[in-house]
């Protein structure tokens, strides 16, 4: 229902802005631009889905080997004490816990291509436990918010973009991003728990969240002692080594259980194409509405309005130059990436705005894209408080990003 209202709002606002620009400013290009954007974003939605097909097939095949080899069940048993409290709707030791863990781990390492199919597999498992098939369960929403909050330990791609834009120290945004994304994830868990009345003061959850906080602090300390070149090398190497280790471990586990790993892989991979086709309508709906909103100029007007209000309040408005990246991130990952690169080109990679745009890019994930893909893959139409919790986590990440940017730079 929430997505329905948002979808309608994007189109109505875009139409009103276009009418105003045509009537009062004589902008005859606005309507052609909007229509062109509908074709472009529709094609983009299909290309994204097509591009996911191979990756989905690969990782769903690997996950099937892991299931038959007992790896997923083993992870589920280990994580059950924590997940049983954070996801009270999931039975103890259920295999979907292992899928959720694999997805979160891939996100933390910045392995987007691996995280999406693993997340879709987890959502498929959660749907089997869902009693109302068109309505998001509490477990689905908590899982979705953990994804939209975008906890990433190694933001390799952002550091690469900064290097390409000739930043003096491409890795200087590493610690600020880690702090901002951790705040976003923690806020997402807290907000979702409040909606779902989950008691976070349970000893197991307190110990887990405290341990994660200590781990993040240790990583911040460790990486801060590395040179920029070494940080890039270590980050990229760790991510790729862990990815290959997972694949080999799953295959070895399958061999140990005397599983025909090739047949298991093919069995799991068959679902990749079906899933990719299933999400196309949802992606088209979301991306077209975002494209129309952007093409009308509504996004530019929104940014200008925010800058005027901030200046009128007597506050420093320098950060507003990076706001397009923050506002675009929940809507489109590629759009936010373009905004980030544009900010570095316009203001300089080592400028305050350039650095802040990079922190915005790394602090959260694409909320509406994830909603469309994950919920669309299992036919969820009633999202309940998923959008609210996801956007609150995004807001916490934005506030944290601005705060740490002023502190560090």
Protein backbone atom coordinates (compact mmCIF):
# COMPACT_ATOMS: atom_id res chain seq x y z
CA UNK A 1 0.00 0.00 0.00
CA UNK A 2 2.82 2.42 0.88
CA UNK A 3 4.60 1.75 -2.40
CA UNK A 4 1.32 2.41 -4.18
CA UNK A 5 1.04 5.90 -2.67
CA UNK A 6 4.72 6.68 -3.30
CA UNK A 7 4.43 5.50 -6.92
CA UNK A 8 1.37 7.70 -7.54
CA UNK A 9 3.00 10.67 -5.78
CA UNK A 10 6.10 10.52 -7.98
CA UNK A 11 3.99 10.67 -11.14
CA UNK A 12 1.64 13.40 -9.92
CA UNK A 13 4.45 15.62 -8.63
CA UNK A 14 6.41 15.12 -11.84
CA UNK A 15 3.37 16.06 -13.93
CA UNK A 16 2.64 19.20 -11.88
CA UNK A 17 6.27 20.34 -12.02
CA UNK A 18 6.35 19.75 -15.78
CA UNK A 19 3.15 21.79 -16.28
CA UNK A 20 4.56 24.66 -14.23
CA UNK A 21 7.82 24.63 -16.19
CA UNK A 22 5.95 24.58 -19.50
CA UNK A 23 3.36 27.27 -18.67
CA UNK A 24 5.46 29.70 -16.63
CA UNK A 25 8.98 29.12 -17.97
CA UNK A 26 8.25 28.01 -21.53
CA UNK A 27 10.26 24.84 -21.13
CA UNK A 28 9.07 22.83 -24.14
CA UNK A 29 11.65 20.10 -23.54
CA UNK A 30 10.34 18.93 -20.18
CA UNK A 31 7.55 16.65 -21.44
CA UNK A 32 9.71 14.96 -24.12
CA UNK A 33 12.38 14.45 -21.43
CA UNK A 34 9.85 12.78 -19.14
CA UNK A 35 8.54 10.48 -21.86
CA UNK A 36 12.07 9.59 -22.95
CA UNK A 37 12.90 8.73 -19.34
CA UNK A 38 10.04 6.21 -19.22
CA UNK A 39 11.56 4.33 -22.17
CA UNK A 40 15.10 4.60 -20.83
CA UNK A 41 14.26 3.42 -17.32
CA UNK A 42 12.05 0.59 -18.61
CA UNK A 43 14.97 -0.64 -20.68
CA UNK A 44 17.28 -0.21 -17.68
CA UNK A 45 14.93 -2.30 -15.51
CA UNK A 46 15.00 -5.12 -18.04
CA UNK A 47 18.78 -4.89 -18.43
CA UNK A 48 19.23 -5.08 -14.66
CA UNK A 49 17.04 -8.16 -14.50
CA UNK A 50 18.83 -9.71 -17.47
CA UNK A 51 22.19 -8.96 -15.91
CA UNK A 52 21.06 -10.61 -12.68
CA UNK A 53 20.10 -13.85 -14.43
CA UNK A 54 23.61 -15.30 -14.65
CA UNK A 55 24.61 -14.16 -11.17
CA UNK A 56 21.37 -15.48 -9.70
CA UNK A 57 21.86 -18.84 -11.38
CA UNK A 58 25.44 -19.07 -10.10
CA UNK A 59 24.70 -18.26 -6.48
CA UNK A 60 21.41 -20.12 -6.22
CA UNK A 61 23.29 -23.15 -7.55
CA UNK A 62 26.06 -22.67 -4.97
CA UNK A 63 23.46 -22.28 -2.21
CA UNK A 64 21.77 -25.52 -3.26
CA UNK A 65 25.12 -27.31 -2.87
CA UNK A 66 25.47 -25.70 0.56
CA UNK A 67 21.99 -26.85 1.55
CA UNK A 68 22.58 -30.45 0.51
CA UNK A 69 26.07 -30.41 2.01
CA UNK A 70 24.72 -29.33 5.40
CA UNK A 71 26.59 -25.99 5.56
CA UNK A 72 23.44 -23.85 5.68
CA UNK A 73 21.91 -25.97 8.44
CA UNK A 74 25.13 -25.82 10.44
CA UNK A 75 25.17 -22.01 10.26
CA UNK A 76 21.50 -21.94 11.22
CA UNK A 77 22.22 -23.93 14.40
CA UNK A 78 25.12 -21.67 15.39
CA UNK A 79 23.21 -18.43 14.80
CA UNK A 80 19.88 -19.64 16.11
CA UNK A 81 20.21 -18.12 19.65
CA UNK A 82 20.60 -14.60 18.20
CA UNK A 83 18.29 -14.89 15.21
CA UNK A 84 15.55 -16.52 17.26
CA UNK A 85 15.30 -13.28 19.24
CA UNK A 86 15.79 -10.87 16.37
CA UNK A 87 13.52 -12.92 14.08
CA UNK A 88 11.04 -14.48 16.53
CA UNK A 89 8.86 -15.73 13.65
CA UNK A 90 11.60 -18.10 12.36
CA UNK A 91 11.67 -21.58 13.97
CA UNK A 92 14.86 -22.51 15.78
CA UNK A 93 17.48 -23.98 13.46
CA UNK A 94 15.53 -23.25 10.26
CA UNK A 95 17.78 -23.22 7.14
CA UNK A 96 16.66 -19.69 6.20
CA UNK A 97 18.84 -18.41 9.07
CA UNK A 98 21.90 -19.60 7.16
CA UNK A 99 20.69 -17.84 4.02
CA UNK A 100 20.18 -14.59 5.93
CA UNK A 101 23.67 -14.83 7.40
CA UNK A 102 25.22 -15.42 3.98
CA UNK A 103 23.41 -12.40 2.54
CA UNK A 104 24.45 -10.10 5.40
CA UNK A 105 28.05 -11.30 5.14
CA UNK A 106 28.14 -10.58 1.40
CA UNK A 107 26.74 -7.08 2.01
CA UNK A 108 29.32 -6.37 4.71
CA UNK A 109 32.11 -7.28 2.29
CA UNK A 110 30.65 -5.10 -0.46
CA UNK A 111 29.93 -8.15 -2.67
CA UNK A 112 26.76 -6.75 -4.27
CA UNK A 113 26.61 -9.35 -7.04
CA UNK A 114 26.65 -12.14 -4.47
CA UNK A 115 24.42 -10.41 -1.91
CA UNK A 116 21.37 -10.03 -4.17
CA UNK A 117 20.87 -13.70 -5.11
CA UNK A 118 21.63 -14.76 -1.54
CA UNK A 119 19.05 -12.25 -0.33
CA UNK A 120 16.46 -13.49 -2.80
CA UNK A 121 17.07 -17.04 -1.59
CA UNK A 122 16.55 -15.90 2.00
CA UNK A 123 13.36 -14.05 1.06
CA UNK A 124 12.08 -17.18 -0.68
CA UNK A 125 12.68 -19.14 2.53
CA UNK A 126 10.93 -16.50 4.62
CA UNK A 127 7.94 -16.64 2.28
CA UNK A 128 7.52 -20.35 3.02
CA UNK A 129 7.02 -19.39 6.69
CA UNK A 130 4.67 -16.52 5.84
CA UNK A 131 0.99 -17.25 6.48
CA UNK A 132 -0.32 -14.32 4.41
CA UNK A 133 1.46 -14.63 1.06
CA UNK A 134 0.77 -11.06 -0.15
CA UNK A 135 1.60 -9.40 3.19
CA UNK A 136 5.14 -8.91 4.50
CA UNK A 137 5.87 -10.81 7.71
CA UNK A 138 7.82 -9.29 10.62
CA UNK A 139 10.83 -11.45 9.76
CA UNK A 140 10.74 -10.28 6.13
CA UNK A 141 10.69 -6.64 7.20
CA UNK A 142 13.56 -7.03 9.67
CA UNK A 143 15.60 -8.80 6.98
CA UNK A 144 14.77 -6.12 4.42
CA UNK A 145 15.78 -3.29 6.77
CA UNK A 146 19.10 -5.01 7.48
CA UNK A 147 19.67 -4.88 3.72
CA UNK A 148 18.47 -1.32 3.13
CA UNK A 149 20.62 0.01 5.98
CA UNK A 150 23.56 -1.20 3.90
CA UNK A 151 26.15 -2.22 6.49
CA UNK A 152 29.39 -2.38 4.49
CA UNK A 153 32.79 -2.93 6.07
CA UNK A 154 34.87 -2.61 2.90
CA UNK A 155 33.55 0.07 0.45
CA UNK A 156 35.98 -0.93 -2.31
CA UNK A 157 33.97 0.50 -5.24
CA UNK A 158 33.73 3.97 -3.71
CA UNK A 159 37.47 4.06 -3.04
CA UNK A 160 38.08 3.03 -6.65
CA UNK A 161 35.86 5.88 -7.92
CA UNK A 162 37.78 8.34 -5.75
CA UNK A 163 41.06 7.07 -7.17
CA UNK A 164 39.72 7.51 -10.71
CA UNK A 165 38.74 11.08 -9.82
CA UNK A 166 42.36 11.72 -8.71
CA UNK A 167 41.67 12.08 -4.99
CA UNK A 168 44.86 12.71 -3.04
CA UNK A 169 43.91 9.95 -0.59
CA UNK A 170 41.12 7.76 -2.02
CA UNK A 171 40.69 5.87 1.27
CA UNK A 172 40.21 8.86 3.55
CA UNK A 173 36.45 8.26 3.55
CA UNK A 174 36.79 4.65 4.76
CA UNK A 175 36.39 5.28 8.50
CA UNK A 176 33.59 7.90 8.08
CA UNK A 177 31.64 5.46 5.85
CA UNK A 178 32.10 2.62 8.34
CA UNK A 179 30.78 4.78 11.18
CA UNK A 180 27.82 6.11 9.16
CA UNK A 181 26.75 2.72 7.81
CA UNK A 182 27.00 1.13 11.27
CA UNK A 183 24.79 3.88 12.74
CA UNK A 184 22.28 3.31 9.91
CA UNK A 185 22.14 -0.43 10.54
CA UNK A 186 21.86 -0.06 14.30
CA UNK A 187 19.08 2.51 13.87
CA UNK A 188 17.27 0.20 11.44
CA UNK A 189 17.33 -2.64 13.97
CA UNK A 190 16.10 -0.35 16.76
CA UNK A 191 13.25 1.19 14.72
CA UNK A 192 12.09 -2.18 13.39
CA UNK A 193 12.25 -3.68 16.88
CA UNK A 194 10.06 -0.86 18.20
CA UNK A 195 7.47 -1.49 15.49
CA UNK A 196 7.56 -5.24 16.14
CA UNK A 197 7.91 -4.95 19.95
CA UNK A 198 11.14 -6.93 20.07
CA UNK A 199 13.02 -6.54 23.35
CA UNK A 200 16.59 -5.58 22.47
CA UNK A 201 17.65 -5.65 26.13
CA UNK A 202 17.86 -9.44 26.12
CA UNK A 203 21.38 -10.53 27.18
CA UNK A 204 22.05 -12.43 23.94
CA UNK A 205 21.10 -9.46 21.73
CA UNK A 206 22.98 -6.99 23.91
CA UNK A 207 26.10 -9.15 23.77
CA UNK A 208 25.78 -9.56 19.99
CA UNK A 209 25.27 -5.87 19.26
CA UNK A 210 28.04 -4.99 21.72
CA UNK A 211 30.37 -7.49 20.07
CA UNK A 212 29.60 -6.10 16.62
CA UNK A 213 30.31 -2.59 17.91
CA UNK A 214 33.66 -3.77 19.27
CA UNK A 215 34.44 -5.51 15.95
CA UNK A 216 33.69 -2.35 13.99
CA UNK A 217 35.89 -0.34 16.38
CA UNK A 218 38.72 -2.86 15.91
CA UNK A 219 38.39 -2.72 12.12
CA UNK A 220 38.43 1.06 12.21
CA UNK A 221 41.60 0.99 14.30
CA UNK A 222 43.27 -1.65 12.13
CA UNK A 223 42.50 -0.06 8.76
CA UNK A 224 43.39 3.41 10.01
CA UNK A 225 46.98 2.18 10.47
CA UNK A 226 47.31 1.11 6.83
CA UNK A 227 48.47 3.28 3.96
CA UNK A 228 45.91 4.20 1.30
CA UNK A 229 47.40 1.77 -1.24
CA UNK A 230 47.58 -1.05 1.29
CA UNK A 231 44.00 -0.41 2.42
CA UNK A 232 42.76 -0.83 -1.14
CA UNK A 233 44.79 -4.01 -1.61
CA UNK A 234 43.71 -5.54 1.71
CA UNK A 235 40.05 -4.62 1.22
CA UNK A 236 39.85 -6.05 -2.29
CA UNK A 237 41.85 -9.17 -1.43
CA UNK A 238 39.86 -10.01 1.70
CA UNK A 239 36.55 -9.66 -0.13
CA UNK A 240 37.58 -11.88 -3.04
CA UNK A 241 39.36 -14.50 -0.90
CA UNK A 242 36.30 -14.89 1.31
CA UNK A 243 34.03 -15.17 -1.73
CA UNK A 244 36.11 -17.94 -3.30
CA UNK A 245 36.49 -19.64 0.10
CA UNK A 246 32.72 -19.84 0.46
CA UNK A 247 32.36 -21.48 -2.97
CA UNK A 248 35.11 -24.04 -2.30
CA UNK A 249 33.83 -24.76 1.23
CA UNK A 250 30.34 -25.47 -0.09
CA UNK A 251 31.70 -27.81 -2.76
CA UNK A 252 33.88 -29.68 -0.24
CA UNK A 253 30.92 -29.98 2.14
CA UNK A 254 28.86 -31.44 -0.69
CA UNK A 255 31.60 -33.97 -1.49
CA UNK A 256 31.81 -34.92 2.20
CA UNK A 257 28.08 -35.66 2.20
CA UNK A 258 28.47 -37.61 -1.06
CA UNK A 259 26.32 -35.09 -2.93
CA UNK A 260 26.46 -34.93 -6.73
CA UNK A 261 27.57 -31.29 -6.64
CA UNK A 262 27.11 -30.73 -10.36
CA UNK A 263 23.49 -31.90 -10.32
CA UNK A 264 22.83 -29.95 -7.13
CA UNK A 265 24.26 -26.82 -8.74
CA UNK A 266 22.12 -27.21 -11.86
CA UNK A 267 19.03 -27.84 -9.74
CA UNK A 268 19.56 -24.62 -7.82
CA UNK A 269 20.62 -22.59 -10.85
CA UNK A 270 17.37 -23.33 -12.67
CA UNK A 271 15.59 -20.97 -10.29
CA UNK A 272 17.82 -18.05 -11.29
CA UNK A 273 16.08 -17.40 -14.60
CA UNK A 274 12.61 -17.74 -13.08
CA UNK A 275 13.43 -15.27 -10.31
CA UNK A 276 14.97 -12.76 -12.72
CA UNK A 277 11.84 -12.80 -14.91
CA UNK A 278 9.55 -12.52 -11.89
CA UNK A 279 11.08 -9.25 -10.67
CA UNK A 280 10.92 -7.40 -14.04
CA UNK A 281 7.43 -5.83 -13.55
CA UNK A 282 8.34 -4.57 -10.07
CA UNK A 283 11.61 -3.08 -11.25
CA UNK A 284 9.93 -1.36 -14.20
CA UNK A 285 7.28 0.17 -11.92
CA UNK A 286 9.79 1.57 -9.41
CA UNK A 287 12.52 2.72 -11.81
CA UNK A 288 10.10 4.42 -14.24
CA UNK A 289 8.51 6.45 -11.42
CA UNK A 290 11.97 7.52 -10.20
CA UNK A 291 13.05 8.43 -13.73
CA UNK A 292 9.94 10.55 -14.30
CA UNK A 293 10.52 12.36 -11.00
CA UNK A 294 14.10 13.16 -11.95
CA UNK A 295 13.39 14.13 -15.56
CA UNK A 296 10.67 16.61 -14.57
CA UNK A 297 13.14 18.62 -12.52
CA UNK A 298 11.31 17.91 -9.26
CA UNK A 299 14.50 16.58 -7.68
CA UNK A 300 16.39 19.79 -8.55
CA UNK A 301 13.62 21.93 -7.07
CA UNK A 302 13.65 19.84 -3.91
CA UNK A 303 17.39 20.34 -3.46
CA UNK A 304 17.11 24.10 -4.04
CA UNK A 305 14.28 24.33 -1.53
CA UNK A 306 16.26 22.50 1.14
CA UNK A 307 19.28 24.76 0.57
CA UNK A 308 17.13 27.88 0.94
CA UNK A 309 15.55 26.64 4.18
CA UNK A 310 18.91 25.68 5.70
CA UNK A 311 20.40 29.08 4.81
CA UNK A 312 17.34 30.91 6.18
CA UNK A 313 17.80 29.11 9.50
CA UNK A 314 21.33 30.45 9.68
CA UNK A 315 22.95 27.02 9.40
CA UNK A 316 25.92 26.03 7.28
CA UNK A 317 24.48 24.94 3.92
CA UNK A 318 27.73 23.62 2.43
CA UNK A 319 26.57 20.01 2.92
CA UNK A 320 23.49 20.60 0.74
CA UNK A 321 25.65 20.29 -2.37
CA UNK A 322 26.02 16.58 -1.60
CA UNK A 323 22.33 16.10 -0.79
CA UNK A 324 21.36 14.82 -4.30
CA UNK A 325 23.42 11.69 -3.62
CA UNK A 326 21.67 11.14 -0.27
CA UNK A 327 18.19 11.65 -1.73
CA UNK A 328 18.89 9.51 -4.78
CA UNK A 329 20.44 6.58 -2.84
CA UNK A 330 17.12 5.15 -1.54
CA UNK A 331 15.71 5.40 -5.08
CA UNK A 332 18.47 4.24 -7.40
CA UNK A 333 21.96 2.87 -6.81
CA UNK A 334 23.20 3.85 -10.26
CA UNK A 335 21.53 7.26 -9.94
CA UNK A 336 23.24 7.88 -6.59
CA UNK A 337 26.54 6.72 -8.03
CA UNK A 338 26.12 9.21 -10.86
CA UNK A 339 25.32 11.97 -8.37
CA UNK A 340 28.43 11.07 -6.35
CA UNK A 341 30.69 11.21 -9.41
CA UNK A 342 29.06 14.46 -10.53
CA UNK A 343 29.69 16.00 -7.09
CA UNK A 344 33.37 15.03 -7.25
CA UNK A 345 33.64 16.42 -10.78
CA UNK A 346 31.90 19.68 -9.86
CA UNK A 347 33.42 20.40 -6.46
CA UNK A 348 36.56 18.25 -6.53
CA UNK A 349 37.22 14.77 -5.14
CA UNK A 350 38.96 16.23 -2.07
CA UNK A 351 36.36 18.92 -1.41
CA UNK A 352 33.98 18.70 1.54
CA UNK A 353 31.02 18.11 -0.80
CA UNK A 354 32.95 15.51 -2.81
CA UNK A 355 33.89 13.56 0.30
CA UNK A 356 30.43 13.86 1.85
CA UNK A 357 28.78 12.56 -1.33
CA UNK A 358 31.00 9.46 -1.07
CA UNK A 359 30.02 8.96 2.58
CA UNK A 360 26.34 9.30 1.62
CA UNK A 361 26.85 6.68 -1.10
CA UNK A 362 28.35 4.21 1.37
CA UNK A 363 26.17 4.89 4.41
CA UNK A 364 22.92 3.24 3.20
CA UNK A 365 21.56 1.09 0.39
CA UNK A 366 18.88 1.47 -2.30
CA UNK A 367 15.73 1.09 -0.19
CA UNK A 368 13.11 1.18 -2.95
CA UNK A 369 15.14 -0.97 -5.33
CA UNK A 370 15.56 -3.62 -2.64
CA UNK A 371 11.86 -3.39 -1.79
CA UNK A 372 10.94 -3.90 -5.43
CA UNK A 373 13.35 -6.79 -6.03
CA UNK A 374 13.04 -8.70 -2.75
CA UNK A 375 9.31 -8.31 -2.18
CA UNK A 376 8.59 -8.59 -5.90
CA UNK A 377 10.42 -11.92 -6.09
CA UNK A 378 7.87 -13.50 -3.72
CA UNK A 379 4.78 -11.48 -4.70
CA UNK A 380 4.50 -9.28 -1.59
CA UNK A 381 2.21 -6.28 -2.21
CA UNK A 382 1.42 -5.18 1.37
CA UNK A 383 4.71 -3.92 2.80
CA UNK A 384 3.40 -2.74 6.20
CA UNK A 385 6.11 -0.77 8.09
CA UNK A 386 8.99 -1.85 5.82
CA UNK A 387 9.23 1.48 3.98
CA UNK A 388 9.00 3.55 7.18
CA UNK A 389 11.73 1.55 8.95
CA UNK A 390 13.94 1.53 5.87
CA UNK A 391 13.67 5.29 5.39
CA UNK A 392 14.24 5.96 9.11
CA UNK A 393 17.44 3.90 8.87
CA UNK A 394 18.40 5.93 5.77
CA UNK A 395 17.75 9.18 7.66
CA UNK A 396 19.94 8.02 10.56
CA UNK A 397 22.68 7.20 8.05
CA UNK A 398 22.38 10.63 6.41
CA UNK A 399 22.57 12.47 9.75
CA UNK A 400 25.54 10.34 10.81
CA UNK A 401 27.27 10.95 7.46
CA UNK A 402 26.93 14.73 7.79
CA UNK A 403 28.15 14.62 11.40
CA UNK A 404 31.24 12.51 10.72
CA UNK A 405 32.04 14.54 7.60
CA UNK A 406 32.16 17.75 9.62
CA UNK A 407 34.18 15.96 12.32
CA UNK A 408 36.78 14.47 9.96
CA UNK A 409 36.96 17.05 7.17
